[in-house]
Amino acid sequence: MNDQNLDLSDYPQPTAAVDLAAIGHNVRVLKRHAGQARVMAVVKADGYGHGASAVARSSIEAGAAEIGVATIAEAVQLRRAGIQAPIQCWLHSPGAPCHAALSDEIRVGISSIAQLHEVKAAVRASGRQAHIDVKVDTGLHRNGSPPAIGRH
């Protein structure tokens, strides 16, 4: 059979059901086990395809202290959706809109000197304070500053 003539309507399509009550339950369980530690609900990639703002709201209502996302754009979308909890992003690429992170009080993970310079430039241009976290590569080689960066 030629794949171009394949009728895909004959095949079941995958679906995902999101149970926000279950998400809330899971956050409460994690919070209970975390003791005094703060719980961050990670909702990157649109809540892994489940709706970032809805998942973030349910998580915050259940006790999550902050929200984590991959990019500044994702963080800004959550702010525009009314999420007021602290938001941290950590996988932004060079040239990311640091000014938007500053204006929306989003914490930015810094994993290179170049990213630090971009945030500093946005601070100088806007006069706003930056909230940053330095990401350190502890050996997994996943977007963290190498140990040698401290010698620059």
N, C-alpha and C. Protein backbone atom coordinates (compact mmCIF):
# COMPACT_ATOMS: atom_id res chain seq x y z
N MET A 1 0.84 -1.18 0.00
CA MET A 1 0.00 0.00 0.00
C MET A 1 0.89 1.25 0.00
N ASN A 2 0.52 2.23 -0.73
CA ASN A 2 1.23 3.50 -0.79
C ASN A 2 0.88 4.32 0.46
N ASP A 3 1.88 4.75 1.20
CA ASP A 3 1.64 5.50 2.44
C ASP A 3 0.88 6.80 2.20
N GLN A 4 0.98 7.36 1.00
CA GLN A 4 0.26 8.61 0.71
C GLN A 4 -1.25 8.40 0.66
N ASN A 5 -1.68 7.18 0.41
CA ASN A 5 -3.11 6.88 0.34
C ASN A 5 -3.66 6.31 1.65
N LEU A 6 -2.84 6.28 2.66
CA LEU A 6 -3.23 5.70 3.95
C LEU A 6 -4.28 6.59 4.62
N ASP A 7 -5.39 6.02 5.00
CA ASP A 7 -6.46 6.76 5.69
C ASP A 7 -6.21 6.65 7.20
N LEU A 8 -5.67 7.70 7.78
CA LEU A 8 -5.32 7.69 9.21
C LEU A 8 -6.53 7.73 10.12
N SER A 9 -7.69 8.07 9.60
CA SER A 9 -8.89 8.11 10.45
C SER A 9 -9.30 6.73 10.92
N ASP A 10 -8.76 5.69 10.29
CA ASP A 10 -9.07 4.33 10.71
C ASP A 10 -8.29 3.90 11.93
N TYR A 11 -7.30 4.69 12.33
CA TYR A 11 -6.43 4.32 13.45
C TYR A 11 -6.74 5.20 14.66
N PRO A 12 -6.77 4.59 15.82
CA PRO A 12 -7.04 5.41 17.02
C PRO A 12 -5.92 6.42 17.25
N GLN A 13 -6.29 7.60 17.68
CA GLN A 13 -5.32 8.66 17.97
C GLN A 13 -5.08 8.71 19.48
N PRO A 14 -3.84 8.92 19.87
CA PRO A 14 -3.56 9.00 21.32
C PRO A 14 -4.18 10.25 21.92
N THR A 15 -4.60 10.13 23.14
CA THR A 15 -5.14 11.26 23.88
C THR A 15 -4.53 11.27 25.27
N ALA A 16 -4.62 12.41 25.90
CA ALA A 16 -4.14 12.53 27.28
C ALA A 16 -5.23 13.22 28.09
N ALA A 17 -5.58 12.62 29.19
CA ALA A 17 -6.56 13.21 30.09
C ALA A 17 -5.81 13.82 31.26
N VAL A 18 -6.10 15.07 31.56
CA VAL A 18 -5.41 15.76 32.64
C VAL A 18 -6.36 15.85 33.83
N ASP A 19 -5.94 15.28 34.93
CA ASP A 19 -6.73 15.32 36.15
C ASP A 19 -6.06 16.32 37.08
N LEU A 20 -6.56 17.55 37.07
CA LEU A 20 -5.94 18.60 37.88
C LEU A 20 -6.04 18.29 39.37
N ALA A 21 -7.06 17.58 39.77
CA ALA A 21 -7.17 17.17 41.18
C ALA A 21 -6.02 16.22 41.53
N ALA A 22 -5.67 15.33 40.61
CA ALA A 22 -4.55 14.40 40.85
C ALA A 22 -3.23 15.16 40.91
N ILE A 23 -3.09 16.17 40.06
CA ILE A 23 -1.88 16.99 40.12
C ILE A 23 -1.78 17.68 41.47
N GLY A 24 -2.89 18.25 41.92
CA GLY A 24 -2.91 18.88 43.25
C GLY A 24 -2.56 17.90 44.34
N HIS A 25 -3.13 16.70 44.27
CA HIS A 25 -2.82 15.66 45.26
C HIS A 25 -1.33 15.35 45.27
N ASN A 26 -0.74 15.19 44.07
CA ASN A 26 0.69 14.87 43.98
C ASN A 26 1.54 15.98 44.58
N VAL A 27 1.19 17.23 44.33
CA VAL A 27 1.95 18.34 44.90
C VAL A 27 1.84 18.33 46.42
N ARG A 28 0.65 18.08 46.95
CA ARG A 28 0.49 18.02 48.41
C ARG A 28 1.34 16.89 49.02
N VAL A 29 1.39 15.75 48.35
CA VAL A 29 2.21 14.63 48.83
C VAL A 29 3.69 15.03 48.80
N LEU A 30 4.13 15.62 47.70
CA LEU A 30 5.53 16.05 47.62
C LEU A 30 5.85 17.09 48.69
N LYS A 31 4.93 18.01 48.90
CA LYS A 31 5.14 19.06 49.91
C LYS A 31 5.26 18.45 51.30
N ARG A 32 4.44 17.48 51.57
CA ARG A 32 4.49 16.80 52.87
C ARG A 32 5.85 16.12 53.07
N HIS A 33 6.36 15.48 52.02
CA HIS A 33 7.65 14.79 52.11
C HIS A 33 8.84 15.75 52.07
N ALA A 34 8.63 16.94 51.56
CA ALA A 34 9.73 17.90 51.41
C ALA A 34 10.09 18.59 52.72
N GLY A 35 9.26 18.46 53.72
CA GLY A 35 9.54 19.11 54.99
C GLY A 35 9.56 20.62 54.84
N GLN A 36 10.68 21.25 55.21
CA GLN A 36 10.79 22.71 55.14
C GLN A 36 11.19 23.20 53.74
N ALA A 37 11.58 22.29 52.85
CA ALA A 37 12.00 22.68 51.50
C ALA A 37 10.80 23.17 50.69
N ARG A 38 11.08 24.11 49.82
CA ARG A 38 10.05 24.63 48.92
C ARG A 38 9.87 23.69 47.74
N VAL A 39 8.66 23.55 47.26
CA VAL A 39 8.36 22.68 46.13
C VAL A 39 8.20 23.53 44.87
N MET A 40 8.91 23.13 43.80
CA MET A 40 8.76 23.78 42.50
C MET A 40 8.02 22.81 41.58
N ALA A 41 6.95 23.29 40.97
CA ALA A 41 6.24 22.51 39.97
C ALA A 41 6.80 22.91 38.60
N VAL A 42 7.30 21.94 37.86
CA VAL A 42 7.87 22.22 36.55
C VAL A 42 6.79 21.99 35.50
N VAL A 43 6.53 23.03 34.73
CA VAL A 43 5.47 22.99 33.72
C VAL A 43 6.00 23.37 32.34
N LYS A 44 7.28 23.08 32.09
CA LYS A 44 7.86 23.41 30.78
C LYS A 44 7.15 22.63 29.69
N ALA A 45 7.31 23.09 28.46
CA ALA A 45 6.68 22.47 27.28
C ALA A 45 5.16 22.40 27.46
N ASP A 46 4.59 23.53 27.88
CA ASP A 46 3.14 23.64 28.10
C ASP A 46 2.64 22.57 29.07
N GLY A 47 3.35 22.45 30.17
CA GLY A 47 2.97 21.45 31.16
C GLY A 47 3.09 20.05 30.58
N TYR A 48 4.16 19.84 29.79
CA TYR A 48 4.37 18.58 29.08
C TYR A 48 3.16 18.24 28.22
N GLY A 49 2.60 19.29 27.61
CA GLY A 49 1.47 19.13 26.71
C GLY A 49 0.12 19.08 27.41
N HIS A 50 0.08 19.37 28.69
CA HIS A 50 -1.15 19.27 29.46
C HIS A 50 -1.75 20.62 29.85
N GLY A 51 -1.15 21.70 29.40
CA GLY A 51 -1.69 23.03 29.73
C GLY A 51 -0.94 23.66 30.88
N ALA A 52 0.08 24.45 30.59
CA ALA A 52 0.95 24.99 31.62
C ALA A 52 0.22 25.84 32.64
N SER A 53 -0.65 26.73 32.20
CA SER A 53 -1.29 27.62 33.16
C SER A 53 -2.24 26.86 34.09
N ALA A 54 -2.99 25.91 33.57
CA ALA A 54 -3.89 25.12 34.42
C ALA A 54 -3.10 24.27 35.41
N VAL A 55 -2.03 23.63 34.93
CA VAL A 55 -1.21 22.80 35.82
C VAL A 55 -0.51 23.67 36.86
N ALA A 56 -0.02 24.84 36.44
CA ALA A 56 0.64 25.75 37.39
C ALA A 56 -0.35 26.20 38.47
N ARG A 57 -1.55 26.61 38.06
CA ARG A 57 -2.56 27.04 39.05
C ARG A 57 -2.88 25.93 40.05
N SER A 58 -3.12 24.73 39.55
CA SER A 58 -3.43 23.60 40.44
C SER A 58 -2.28 23.32 41.39
N SER A 59 -1.07 23.42 40.88
CA SER A 59 0.12 23.17 41.70
C SER A 59 0.28 24.21 42.80
N ILE A 60 0.07 25.47 42.44
CA ILE A 60 0.19 26.56 43.43
C ILE A 60 -0.90 26.44 44.48
N GLU A 61 -2.12 26.17 44.05
CA GLU A 61 -3.23 26.01 45.00
C GLU A 61 -2.96 24.86 45.97
N ALA A 62 -2.21 23.85 45.51
CA ALA A 62 -1.90 22.69 46.35
C ALA A 62 -0.66 22.90 47.22
N GLY A 63 0.02 24.05 47.04
CA GLY A 63 1.14 24.35 47.91
C GLY A 63 2.49 24.51 47.25
N ALA A 64 2.58 24.36 45.93
CA ALA A 64 3.87 24.61 45.27
C ALA A 64 4.24 26.07 45.49
N ALA A 65 5.50 26.30 45.84
CA ALA A 65 5.95 27.66 46.13
C ALA A 65 6.38 28.41 44.88
N GLU A 66 6.77 27.67 43.85
CA GLU A 66 7.27 28.29 42.63
C GLU A 66 7.04 27.39 41.44
N ILE A 67 7.21 27.98 40.26
CA ILE A 67 6.99 27.28 39.01
C ILE A 67 8.29 27.29 38.21
N GLY A 68 8.60 26.20 37.54
CA GLY A 68 9.78 26.12 36.69
C GLY A 68 9.37 25.89 35.24
N VAL A 69 10.06 26.58 34.35
CA VAL A 69 9.85 26.42 32.91
C VAL A 69 11.20 26.40 32.21
N ALA A 70 11.20 26.08 30.94
CA ALA A 70 12.45 26.04 30.20
C ALA A 70 12.86 27.43 29.71
N THR A 71 11.96 28.17 29.14
CA THR A 71 12.34 29.40 28.44
C THR A 71 11.69 30.64 29.04
N ILE A 72 12.28 31.77 28.72
CA ILE A 72 11.70 33.05 29.14
C ILE A 72 10.31 33.22 28.53
N ALA A 73 10.16 32.82 27.27
CA ALA A 73 8.85 32.95 26.61
C ALA A 73 7.78 32.17 27.37
N GLU A 74 8.10 30.96 27.83
CA GLU A 74 7.13 30.18 28.61
C GLU A 74 6.78 30.90 29.91
N ALA A 75 7.78 31.47 30.55
CA ALA A 75 7.55 32.19 31.81
C ALA A 75 6.66 33.41 31.58
N VAL A 76 6.91 34.15 30.52
CA VAL A 76 6.10 35.33 30.21
C VAL A 76 4.66 34.91 29.93
N GLN A 77 4.46 33.81 29.23
CA GLN A 77 3.10 33.32 28.97
C GLN A 77 2.37 33.02 30.27
N LEU A 78 3.07 32.45 31.24
CA LEU A 78 2.43 32.17 32.53
C LEU A 78 2.07 33.47 33.24
N ARG A 79 2.94 34.46 33.20
CA ARG A 79 2.62 35.76 33.82
C ARG A 79 1.39 36.35 33.16
N ARG A 80 1.33 36.29 31.84
CA ARG A 80 0.17 36.83 31.11
C ARG A 80 -1.11 36.06 31.43
N ALA A 81 -0.96 34.81 31.84
CA ALA A 81 -2.11 33.99 32.25
C ALA A 81 -2.50 34.25 33.70
N GLY A 82 -1.77 35.15 34.38
CA GLY A 82 -2.12 35.52 35.74
C GLY A 82 -1.37 34.79 36.83
N ILE A 83 -0.36 34.00 36.49
CA ILE A 83 0.42 33.29 37.51
C ILE A 83 1.34 34.30 38.19
N GLN A 84 1.18 34.46 39.49
CA GLN A 84 1.98 35.45 40.24
C GLN A 84 3.08 34.82 41.08
N ALA A 85 3.08 33.52 41.21
CA ALA A 85 4.12 32.83 42.00
C ALA A 85 5.48 33.05 41.35
N PRO A 86 6.56 32.89 42.12
CA PRO A 86 7.89 32.97 41.51
C PRO A 86 8.02 31.95 40.37
N ILE A 87 8.65 32.40 39.28
CA ILE A 87 8.87 31.53 38.11
C ILE A 87 10.36 31.56 37.79
N GLN A 88 10.91 30.39 37.53
CA GLN A 88 12.30 30.28 37.13
C GLN A 88 12.37 29.59 35.77
N CYS A 89 13.23 30.13 34.89
CA CYS A 89 13.49 29.47 33.61
C CYS A 89 14.98 29.18 33.54
N TRP A 90 15.36 28.11 32.84
CA TRP A 90 16.77 27.74 32.88
C TRP A 90 17.34 27.21 31.56
N LEU A 91 16.58 27.18 30.49
CA LEU A 91 17.12 26.66 29.24
C LEU A 91 16.98 27.66 28.09
N HIS A 92 17.14 28.91 28.38
CA HIS A 92 17.00 29.91 27.33
C HIS A 92 18.24 29.94 26.45
N SER A 93 18.03 30.29 25.20
CA SER A 93 19.14 30.30 24.25
C SER A 93 19.74 31.70 24.13
N PRO A 94 20.91 31.80 23.50
CA PRO A 94 21.51 33.13 23.31
C PRO A 94 20.53 34.06 22.59
N GLY A 95 20.51 35.30 23.02
CA GLY A 95 19.60 36.27 22.43
C GLY A 95 18.19 36.21 22.98
N ALA A 96 17.97 35.43 24.03
CA ALA A 96 16.64 35.33 24.64
C ALA A 96 16.22 36.70 25.18
N PRO A 97 14.92 36.96 25.28
CA PRO A 97 14.44 38.28 25.71
C PRO A 97 14.62 38.53 27.21
N CYS A 98 15.84 38.80 27.62
CA CYS A 98 16.12 39.03 29.04
C CYS A 98 15.32 40.19 29.61
N HIS A 99 15.07 41.21 28.78
CA HIS A 99 14.29 42.36 29.25
C HIS A 99 12.90 41.92 29.71
N ALA A 100 12.31 40.94 29.03
CA ALA A 100 10.99 40.44 29.42
C ALA A 100 11.07 39.73 30.77
N ALA A 101 12.16 39.00 30.99
CA ALA A 101 12.33 38.33 32.29
C ALA A 101 12.42 39.35 33.40
N LEU A 102 13.12 40.45 33.15
CA LEU A 102 13.26 41.49 34.18
C LEU A 102 11.93 42.17 34.46
N SER A 103 11.21 42.51 33.43
CA SER A 103 9.96 43.25 33.64
C SER A 103 8.90 42.38 34.30
N ASP A 104 8.98 41.06 34.11
CA ASP A 104 8.01 40.16 34.73
C ASP A 104 8.54 39.47 35.98
N GLU A 105 9.70 39.92 36.48
CA GLU A 105 10.32 39.38 37.69
C GLU A 105 10.46 37.86 37.63
N ILE A 106 11.04 37.40 36.54
CA ILE A 106 11.28 35.98 36.33
C ILE A 106 12.74 35.69 36.66
N ARG A 107 12.97 34.63 37.43
CA ARG A 107 14.34 34.21 37.75
C ARG A 107 14.94 33.50 36.55
N VAL A 108 16.17 33.86 36.23
CA VAL A 108 16.83 33.32 35.06
C VAL A 108 18.03 32.49 35.49
N GLY A 109 18.11 31.27 34.98
CA GLY A 109 19.28 30.44 35.21
C GLY A 109 20.39 30.85 34.26
N ILE A 110 21.58 31.07 34.79
CA ILE A 110 22.73 31.50 33.99
C ILE A 110 23.71 30.34 33.94
N SER A 111 24.08 29.93 32.71
CA SER A 111 25.02 28.82 32.59
C SER A 111 26.26 29.18 31.78
N SER A 112 26.41 30.47 31.47
CA SER A 112 27.61 30.88 30.74
C SER A 112 27.88 32.36 30.98
N ILE A 113 29.10 32.76 30.72
CA ILE A 113 29.46 34.18 30.82
C ILE A 113 28.65 35.00 29.82
N ALA A 114 28.43 34.44 28.62
CA ALA A 114 27.64 35.15 27.60
C ALA A 114 26.23 35.44 28.11
N GLN A 115 25.60 34.48 28.77
CA GLN A 115 24.26 34.71 29.32
C GLN A 115 24.30 35.77 30.41
N LEU A 116 25.33 35.74 31.23
CA LEU A 116 25.47 36.75 32.27
C LEU A 116 25.56 38.14 31.64
N HIS A 117 26.35 38.27 30.59
CA HIS A 117 26.48 39.56 29.90
C HIS A 117 25.15 40.02 29.30
N GLU A 118 24.37 39.08 28.77
CA GLU A 118 23.06 39.44 28.22
C GLU A 118 22.14 39.97 29.30
N VAL A 119 22.13 39.31 30.46
CA VAL A 119 21.29 39.78 31.56
C VAL A 119 21.78 41.13 32.06
N LYS A 120 23.10 41.30 32.19
CA LYS A 120 23.64 42.59 32.63
C LYS A 120 23.26 43.70 31.68
N ALA A 121 23.29 43.45 30.37
CA ALA A 121 22.90 44.45 29.38
C ALA A 121 21.43 44.83 29.54
N ALA A 122 20.59 43.85 29.80
CA ALA A 122 19.16 44.12 30.00
C ALA A 122 18.94 44.92 31.28
N VAL A 123 19.72 44.63 32.33
CA VAL A 123 19.64 45.39 33.58
C VAL A 123 20.01 46.85 33.33
N ARG A 124 21.11 47.06 32.64
CA ARG A 124 21.57 48.43 32.35
C ARG A 124 20.54 49.19 31.51
N ALA A 125 19.97 48.53 30.51
CA ALA A 125 19.01 49.18 29.61
C ALA A 125 17.69 49.50 30.31
N SER A 126 17.28 48.64 31.22
CA SER A 126 15.96 48.81 31.85
C SER A 126 16.01 49.46 33.22
N GLY A 127 17.16 49.36 33.89
CA GLY A 127 17.24 49.86 35.25
C GLY A 127 16.56 48.94 36.26
N ARG A 128 16.14 47.79 35.83
CA ARG A 128 15.48 46.82 36.72
C ARG A 128 16.49 45.86 37.32
N GLN A 129 16.10 45.27 38.43
CA GLN A 129 16.94 44.28 39.11
C GLN A 129 16.73 42.91 38.47
N ALA A 130 17.80 42.14 38.34
CA ALA A 130 17.70 40.78 37.81
C ALA A 130 17.71 39.78 38.96
N HIS A 131 16.97 38.72 38.79
CA HIS A 131 16.95 37.60 39.73
C HIS A 131 17.56 36.43 38.98
N ILE A 132 18.78 36.03 39.34
CA ILE A 132 19.46 34.97 38.61
C ILE A 132 19.88 33.84 39.54
N ASP A 133 20.05 32.69 38.95
CA ASP A 133 20.63 31.53 39.61
C ASP A 133 21.74 31.04 38.71
N VAL A 134 22.90 30.76 39.27
CA VAL A 134 24.01 30.24 38.48
C VAL A 134 23.87 28.73 38.42
N LYS A 135 23.82 28.23 37.20
CA LYS A 135 23.73 26.78 36.98
C LYS A 135 25.14 26.23 36.85
N VAL A 136 25.45 25.22 37.62
CA VAL A 136 26.79 24.63 37.62
C VAL A 136 26.71 23.20 37.10
N ASP A 137 27.60 22.87 36.19
CA ASP A 137 27.67 21.50 35.68
C ASP A 137 28.35 20.64 36.74
N THR A 138 27.62 19.69 37.26
CA THR A 138 28.17 18.82 38.30
C THR A 138 28.65 17.49 37.72
N GLY A 139 28.73 17.43 36.40
CA GLY A 139 29.23 16.23 35.75
C GLY A 139 28.29 15.62 34.75
N LEU A 140 27.04 16.07 34.71
CA LEU A 140 26.08 15.51 33.76
C LEU A 140 26.17 16.15 32.38
N HIS A 141 26.84 17.31 32.29
CA HIS A 141 27.00 18.03 31.04
C HIS A 141 25.64 18.40 30.43
N ARG A 142 24.78 18.96 31.28
CA ARG A 142 23.44 19.35 30.85
C ARG A 142 23.20 20.82 31.13
N ASN A 143 23.77 21.68 30.34
CA ASN A 143 23.49 23.11 30.40
C ASN A 143 23.90 23.77 31.70
N GLY A 144 25.02 23.43 32.23
CA GLY A 144 25.54 24.11 33.42
C GLY A 144 26.90 24.70 33.13
N SER A 145 27.31 25.66 33.96
CA SER A 145 28.62 26.27 33.81
C SER A 145 29.70 25.25 34.15
N PRO A 146 30.71 25.15 33.30
CA PRO A 146 31.81 24.25 33.65
C PRO A 146 32.61 24.85 34.81
N PRO A 147 33.31 24.03 35.59
CA PRO A 147 34.07 24.55 36.73
C PRO A 147 35.07 25.64 36.33
N ALA A 148 35.60 25.59 35.13
CA ALA A 148 36.61 26.58 34.70
C ALA A 148 36.04 27.98 34.54
N ILE A 149 34.74 28.12 34.50
CA ILE A 149 34.15 29.45 34.30
C ILE A 149 34.49 30.39 35.46
N GLY A 150 34.68 29.85 36.63
CA GLY A 150 35.00 30.67 37.78
C GLY A 150 36.39 31.29 37.71
N ARG A 151 37.21 30.82 36.82
CA ARG A 151 38.57 31.36 36.69
C ARG A 151 38.63 32.53 35.71
N HIS A 152 37.52 32.91 35.12
CA HIS A 152 37.52 34.01 34.13
C HIS A 152 37.29 35.33 34.82
